[in-house]
């Protein structure tokens, strides 16, 4: 295995300065040298190729939320390539129809779609009932949708957080709770898409960060309870960094220029691998797992680096 420096390891990722500083301090404090400069091993889901995934996912019954664009759209396409039966949902019916048509072209044997707004408390269970009716059960519940929010300094709008909590968190809890009896029957999996912001809060994202923190808390606790009850339903939490979706890039433009955005298709594939291999958590890009592992060693340095990454003039 080749040896690399922290700068080489994280070049172009947007966290080079964070990792350089933290790793220097870590090596000095722990007396560790070469080990920190070795490229970490990827998690074993990364070794799964198309044939392995097709063997696991072919014919499986999948519900994907937030599937009209971005990461959710790519998740649907990957499941289609692996031969899964799919129900997709999002707010925009015309976009869902196009995604469904492409899923059929890519190899999915059956695809259905249902427009829904997850900020409406009635819609999460309505979507789940539709999926169960069409699929005859469920093997993978992929919770990916988010509500609309702003990217700016906190303006005190608590009501916005309340509305966003329904879309980004409570609907996840609703669908997971209502779907659990059916997932128990199939020994199925819940895949909850979250964000690095739930682990490393940053400026300009208070409402969104609050909702994703709730997602992490709920599903992290539920993982423990299912294990204690010996329930064979897996939960995979997906911690994502900046992804090159149109929505994400439009929000951070002119505010964050130092962080690289990673492809939605790659994120979607890692999400699917994580669910198929029943991982408790996956990180995409992978280096965020390292950042999380050492984030609390030097909190003052960490916070100054985070804040200096944003363009803001009071």
Protein backbone atom coordinates (compact mmCIF):
# COMPACT_ATOMS: atom_id res chain seq x y z
CA UNK A 1 0.00 0.00 0.00
CA UNK A 2 1.38 3.46 -0.91
CA UNK A 3 2.05 5.99 1.80
CA UNK A 4 0.46 9.41 1.53
CA UNK A 5 0.53 12.62 3.50
CA UNK A 6 -2.67 14.09 4.95
CA UNK A 7 -2.54 16.82 2.30
CA UNK A 8 -2.38 14.21 -0.47
CA UNK A 9 -5.04 12.06 1.14
CA UNK A 10 -7.58 14.87 1.37
CA UNK A 11 -6.58 17.01 -1.62
CA UNK A 12 -9.71 18.37 -3.29
CA UNK A 13 -12.06 17.17 -0.57
CA UNK A 14 -12.54 20.49 1.19
CA UNK A 15 -11.25 19.21 4.53
CA UNK A 16 -7.51 19.32 3.82
CA UNK A 17 -6.88 22.14 6.27
CA UNK A 18 -9.01 20.50 8.95
CA UNK A 19 -7.30 17.15 8.63
CA UNK A 20 -3.77 18.53 8.35
CA UNK A 21 -4.10 20.42 11.59
CA UNK A 22 -5.95 17.76 13.53
CA UNK A 23 -3.73 14.92 12.40
CA UNK A 24 -0.55 16.79 13.32
CA UNK A 25 -1.91 17.37 16.80
CA UNK A 26 -3.12 13.78 17.06
CA UNK A 27 0.23 12.29 16.07
CA UNK A 28 2.07 14.47 18.55
CA UNK A 29 -0.35 13.70 21.40
CA UNK A 30 -0.49 9.96 20.78
CA UNK A 31 3.06 9.39 19.59
CA UNK A 32 1.71 8.00 16.34
CA UNK A 33 3.44 8.79 13.07
CA UNK A 34 3.16 6.56 10.04
CA UNK A 35 -0.22 5.02 10.88
CA UNK A 36 -2.02 8.32 10.46
CA UNK A 37 -0.49 8.80 7.02
CA UNK A 38 -1.68 5.49 5.65
CA UNK A 39 -4.78 5.56 3.48
CA UNK A 40 -7.61 4.03 5.52
CA UNK A 41 -9.23 0.83 4.38
CA UNK A 42 -12.61 1.32 2.78
CA UNK A 43 -15.54 -0.31 4.49
CA UNK A 44 -16.27 -3.74 3.08
CA UNK A 45 -19.53 -2.70 1.35
CA UNK A 46 -17.27 -0.98 -1.18
CA UNK A 47 -16.01 -4.38 -2.31
CA UNK A 48 -19.48 -5.43 -3.44
CA UNK A 49 -19.74 -5.38 -7.21
CA UNK A 50 -22.78 -5.31 -9.51
CA UNK A 51 -23.12 -9.10 -9.59
CA UNK A 52 -23.17 -9.38 -5.80
CA UNK A 53 -25.71 -6.58 -5.48
CA UNK A 54 -27.90 -8.01 -8.23
CA UNK A 55 -27.96 -11.35 -6.44
CA UNK A 56 -29.16 -9.66 -3.25
CA UNK A 57 -31.51 -7.06 -4.74
CA UNK A 58 -33.09 -8.74 -7.76
CA UNK A 59 -36.85 -8.96 -7.24
CA UNK A 60 -36.70 -7.17 -3.88
CA UNK A 61 -39.52 -4.81 -2.98
CA UNK A 62 -38.30 -1.26 -2.45
CA UNK A 63 -39.94 2.02 -1.47
CA UNK A 64 -37.83 5.13 -2.17
CA UNK A 65 -38.95 8.57 -0.99
CA UNK A 66 -37.74 11.86 -2.45
CA UNK A 67 -37.14 10.06 -5.73
CA UNK A 68 -38.00 12.69 -8.35
CA UNK A 69 -34.50 14.21 -8.50
CA UNK A 70 -31.07 14.29 -6.91
CA UNK A 71 -29.93 11.42 -4.72
CA UNK A 72 -33.35 9.77 -4.57
CA UNK A 73 -33.61 9.66 -8.35
CA UNK A 74 -30.21 7.99 -8.56
CA UNK A 75 -31.16 5.52 -5.83
CA UNK A 76 -34.18 4.50 -7.89
CA UNK A 77 -32.04 4.03 -11.00
CA UNK A 78 -29.52 1.83 -9.19
CA UNK A 79 -32.25 -0.36 -7.72
CA UNK A 80 -33.72 -0.66 -11.21
CA UNK A 81 -30.37 -1.82 -12.62
CA UNK A 82 -30.24 -4.48 -9.92
CA UNK A 83 -33.70 -5.77 -10.85
CA UNK A 84 -35.70 -4.56 -7.85
CA UNK A 85 -39.42 -3.81 -7.83
CA UNK A 86 -39.80 -0.16 -6.90
CA UNK A 87 -42.34 2.33 -5.59
CA UNK A 88 -41.14 5.93 -5.81
CA UNK A 89 -42.65 9.05 -4.29
CA UNK A 90 -42.02 12.79 -4.27
CA UNK A 91 -44.05 15.97 -4.63
CA UNK A 92 -43.93 16.38 -8.42
CA UNK A 93 -45.94 13.84 -10.42
CA UNK A 94 -44.50 14.76 -13.83
CA UNK A 95 -40.94 14.19 -12.59
CA UNK A 96 -41.92 10.90 -10.94
CA UNK A 97 -43.41 9.67 -14.19
CA UNK A 98 -40.13 10.29 -16.04
CA UNK A 99 -38.10 8.55 -13.34
CA UNK A 100 -40.46 5.56 -13.38
CA UNK A 101 -40.16 5.25 -17.15
CA UNK A 102 -36.36 5.28 -16.97
CA UNK A 103 -36.39 2.69 -14.17
CA UNK A 104 -38.29 0.33 -16.45
CA UNK A 105 -35.77 0.95 -19.23
CA UNK A 106 -32.91 0.18 -16.83
CA UNK A 107 -34.31 -3.20 -15.90
CA UNK A 108 -36.79 -2.90 -13.07
CA UNK A 109 -39.57 -5.48 -13.58
CA UNK A 110 -42.22 -3.27 -11.96
CA UNK A 111 -42.34 0.41 -11.00
CA UNK A 112 -45.11 2.48 -9.46
CA UNK A 113 -45.17 6.10 -8.37
CA UNK A 114 -47.33 8.16 -6.03
CA UNK A 115 -47.14 11.95 -5.57
CA UNK A 116 -47.04 13.00 -1.92
CA UNK A 117 -46.03 15.88 0.32
CA UNK A 118 -44.33 14.61 3.47
CA UNK A 119 -45.03 17.88 5.27
CA UNK A 120 -48.65 16.70 5.32
CA UNK A 121 -48.99 14.34 8.33
CA UNK A 122 -51.45 12.16 6.39
CA UNK A 123 -49.18 11.45 3.44
CA UNK A 124 -46.43 9.24 4.95
CA UNK A 125 -48.83 6.45 5.88
CA UNK A 126 -50.79 6.93 2.65
CA UNK A 127 -47.60 6.32 0.68
CA UNK A 128 -46.71 3.29 2.77
CA UNK A 129 -50.17 1.75 2.26
CA UNK A 130 -49.85 2.33 -1.49
CA UNK A 131 -46.44 0.62 -1.56
CA UNK A 132 -47.63 -2.36 0.45
CA UNK A 133 -50.64 -2.76 -1.82
CA UNK A 134 -48.57 -2.65 -5.02
CA UNK A 135 -45.56 -4.62 -3.80
CA UNK A 136 -47.35 -7.09 -1.55
CA UNK A 137 -44.84 -6.36 1.20
CA UNK A 138 -41.59 -4.48 1.59
CA UNK A 139 -37.91 -5.42 1.82
CA UNK A 140 -36.23 -1.99 1.76
CA UNK A 141 -37.69 1.25 3.08
CA UNK A 142 -35.44 4.06 1.83
CA UNK A 143 -36.17 7.38 3.55
CA UNK A 144 -34.48 10.12 1.55
CA UNK A 145 -36.91 13.04 1.18
CA UNK A 146 -36.42 16.52 2.64
CA UNK A 147 -38.54 19.66 2.80
CA UNK A 148 -37.62 23.06 1.44
CA UNK A 149 -35.45 25.22 3.67
CA UNK A 150 -33.11 28.19 3.47
CA UNK A 151 -29.32 28.51 3.66
CA UNK A 152 -28.72 31.60 5.76
CA UNK A 153 -28.06 32.89 9.25
CA UNK A 154 -30.72 31.94 11.81
CA UNK A 155 -33.60 34.41 11.68
CA UNK A 156 -35.57 33.15 14.67
CA UNK A 157 -38.30 31.43 12.62
CA UNK A 158 -39.19 28.59 14.96
CA UNK A 159 -42.37 27.85 13.00
CA UNK A 160 -40.22 26.95 9.99
CA UNK A 161 -38.40 24.36 12.10
CA UNK A 162 -41.75 22.97 13.21
CA UNK A 163 -42.90 22.50 9.59
CA UNK A 164 -39.53 21.12 8.51
CA UNK A 165 -39.53 18.64 11.39
CA UNK A 166 -42.66 17.05 9.95
CA UNK A 167 -41.13 16.67 6.49
CA UNK A 168 -37.56 15.77 7.45
CA UNK A 169 -38.03 13.82 10.66
CA UNK A 170 -41.56 13.00 11.83
CA UNK A 171 -42.48 11.51 8.46
CA UNK A 172 -39.39 9.28 8.72
CA UNK A 173 -40.50 8.15 12.18
CA UNK A 174 -44.06 7.61 10.93
CA UNK A 175 -43.07 5.48 7.97
CA UNK A 176 -40.50 3.47 9.91
CA UNK A 177 -42.94 2.78 12.74
CA UNK A 178 -45.85 1.87 10.47
CA UNK A 179 -43.63 -0.18 8.18
CA UNK A 180 -41.87 -2.10 10.92
CA UNK A 181 -44.44 -4.93 11.22
CA UNK A 182 -44.09 -5.62 7.49
CA UNK A 183 -40.30 -5.34 7.55
CA UNK A 184 -40.26 -7.90 10.37
CA UNK A 185 -42.10 -10.32 8.08
CA UNK A 186 -39.48 -9.92 5.34
CA UNK A 187 -36.42 -9.50 7.61
CA UNK A 188 -36.09 -6.22 5.78
CA UNK A 189 -34.12 -3.02 6.09
CA UNK A 190 -34.66 0.66 6.80
CA UNK A 191 -32.26 3.08 5.14
CA UNK A 192 -32.35 6.61 6.55
CA UNK A 193 -30.46 9.30 4.65
CA UNK A 194 -28.89 11.84 6.99
CA UNK A 195 -26.15 14.47 6.84
CA UNK A 196 -22.70 15.19 8.21
CA UNK A 197 -24.31 18.31 9.68
CA UNK A 198 -26.06 16.10 12.24
CA UNK A 199 -22.60 15.18 13.57
CA UNK A 200 -20.67 18.39 12.87
CA UNK A 201 -23.10 21.35 12.97
CA UNK A 202 -22.19 24.30 10.76
CA UNK A 203 -23.49 27.82 10.15
CA UNK A 204 -26.43 28.72 7.90
CA UNK A 205 -28.23 25.40 8.36
CA UNK A 206 -29.92 25.50 11.77
CA UNK A 207 -33.39 24.18 10.73
CA UNK A 208 -31.97 21.45 8.49
CA UNK A 209 -29.31 20.44 11.02
CA UNK A 210 -31.91 20.21 13.78
CA UNK A 211 -34.06 17.83 11.73
CA UNK A 212 -31.17 15.59 10.71
CA UNK A 213 -29.97 15.45 14.31
CA UNK A 214 -33.43 14.19 15.22
CA UNK A 215 -33.19 11.54 12.48
CA UNK A 216 -29.87 10.32 13.88
CA UNK A 217 -31.17 10.20 17.43
CA UNK A 218 -34.36 8.34 16.54
CA UNK A 219 -32.81 5.70 14.30
CA UNK A 220 -29.71 5.30 16.46
CA UNK A 221 -31.92 4.49 19.45
CA UNK A 222 -34.19 2.27 17.35
CA UNK A 223 -31.16 0.26 16.24
CA UNK A 224 -30.45 -0.57 19.87
CA UNK A 225 -34.05 -1.49 20.66
CA UNK A 226 -34.44 -3.79 17.66
CA UNK A 227 -31.18 -5.52 18.56
CA UNK A 228 -32.25 -5.95 22.19
CA UNK A 229 -35.59 -7.40 21.03
CA UNK A 230 -33.73 -9.67 18.56
CA UNK A 231 -35.75 -8.26 15.67
CA UNK A 232 -34.12 -9.06 12.34
CA UNK A 233 -34.69 -5.66 10.75
CA UNK A 234 -31.56 -3.66 9.97
CA UNK A 235 -31.26 0.12 10.05
CA UNK A 236 -28.60 1.88 8.00
CA UNK A 237 -27.90 5.54 8.76
CA UNK A 238 -26.32 7.31 5.80
CA UNK A 239 -24.10 10.27 6.68
CA UNK A 240 -23.56 12.36 3.56
CA UNK A 241 -21.33 15.33 2.86
CA UNK A 242 -21.91 17.89 0.13
CA UNK A 243 -23.47 16.21 -2.91
CA UNK A 244 -23.62 17.75 -6.38
CA UNK A 245 -27.40 17.98 -6.61
CA UNK A 246 -28.82 21.08 -8.24
CA UNK A 247 -30.59 22.07 -5.03
CA UNK A 248 -27.52 21.74 -2.81
CA UNK A 249 -25.17 23.55 -5.17
CA UNK A 250 -27.57 26.44 -5.69
CA UNK A 251 -27.79 26.98 -1.92
CA UNK A 252 -24.05 27.00 -1.18
CA UNK A 253 -22.96 28.96 -4.25
CA UNK A 254 -20.94 31.99 -3.23
CA UNK A 255 -20.91 30.93 0.42
CA UNK A 256 -18.80 27.76 0.40
CA UNK A 257 -16.17 27.59 -2.33
CA UNK A 258 -13.57 25.37 -0.64
CA UNK A 259 -15.52 22.13 -0.33
CA UNK A 260 -15.84 19.66 -3.18
CA UNK A 261 -19.27 18.30 -4.07
CA UNK A 262 -19.46 14.57 -4.69
CA UNK A 263 -21.67 12.84 -7.29
CA UNK A 264 -25.23 11.93 -6.43
CA UNK A 265 -24.91 8.65 -8.32
CA UNK A 266 -21.95 7.63 -6.16
CA UNK A 267 -23.79 8.59 -2.99
CA UNK A 268 -26.82 6.59 -4.12
CA UNK A 269 -24.74 3.49 -4.81
CA UNK A 270 -23.06 3.64 -1.39
CA UNK A 271 -26.47 4.05 0.25
CA UNK A 272 -27.76 0.95 -1.53
CA UNK A 273 -24.63 -1.06 -0.67
CA UNK A 274 -24.96 -0.06 2.96
CA UNK A 275 -28.54 -1.27 3.07
CA UNK A 276 -27.83 -4.47 1.16
CA UNK A 277 -24.98 -5.38 3.53
CA UNK A 278 -27.02 -4.29 6.58
CA UNK A 279 -24.45 -1.78 7.79
CA UNK A 280 -25.34 0.31 10.83
CA UNK A 281 -23.87 3.44 9.25
CA UNK A 282 -22.13 4.52 6.07
CA UNK A 283 -20.26 7.72 5.25
CA UNK A 284 -20.04 9.35 1.84
CA UNK A 285 -17.50 10.63 1.01
CA UNK A 286 -15.62 8.13 3.19
CA UNK A 287 -13.25 10.66 4.79
CA UNK A 288 -16.02 12.13 6.94
CA UNK A 289 -15.77 9.05 9.13
CA UNK A 290 -12.22 10.08 9.98
CA UNK A 291 -13.24 13.66 10.65
CA UNK A 292 -15.99 12.47 12.99
CA UNK A 293 -13.58 10.17 14.80
CA UNK A 294 -11.32 13.05 15.85
CA UNK A 295 -13.72 16.01 15.79
CA UNK A 296 -13.78 16.47 19.57
CA UNK A 297 -10.04 16.30 20.20
CA UNK A 298 -9.45 19.98 19.44
CA UNK A 299 -12.84 21.75 19.55
CA UNK A 300 -11.47 25.29 19.39
CA UNK A 301 -9.43 24.54 16.29
CA UNK A 302 -12.31 22.61 14.75
CA UNK A 303 -14.76 25.47 15.20
CA UNK A 304 -12.39 28.10 13.80
CA UNK A 305 -11.79 26.01 10.68
CA UNK A 306 -15.52 25.44 10.15
CA UNK A 307 -16.37 29.11 10.54
CA UNK A 308 -13.56 30.29 8.29
CA UNK A 309 -14.85 28.02 5.51
CA UNK A 310 -17.92 30.23 5.06
CA UNK A 311 -18.03 33.64 3.41
CA UNK A 312 -19.81 35.99 5.79
CA UNK A 313 -19.47 39.71 6.45
CA UNK A 314 -21.67 40.93 9.35
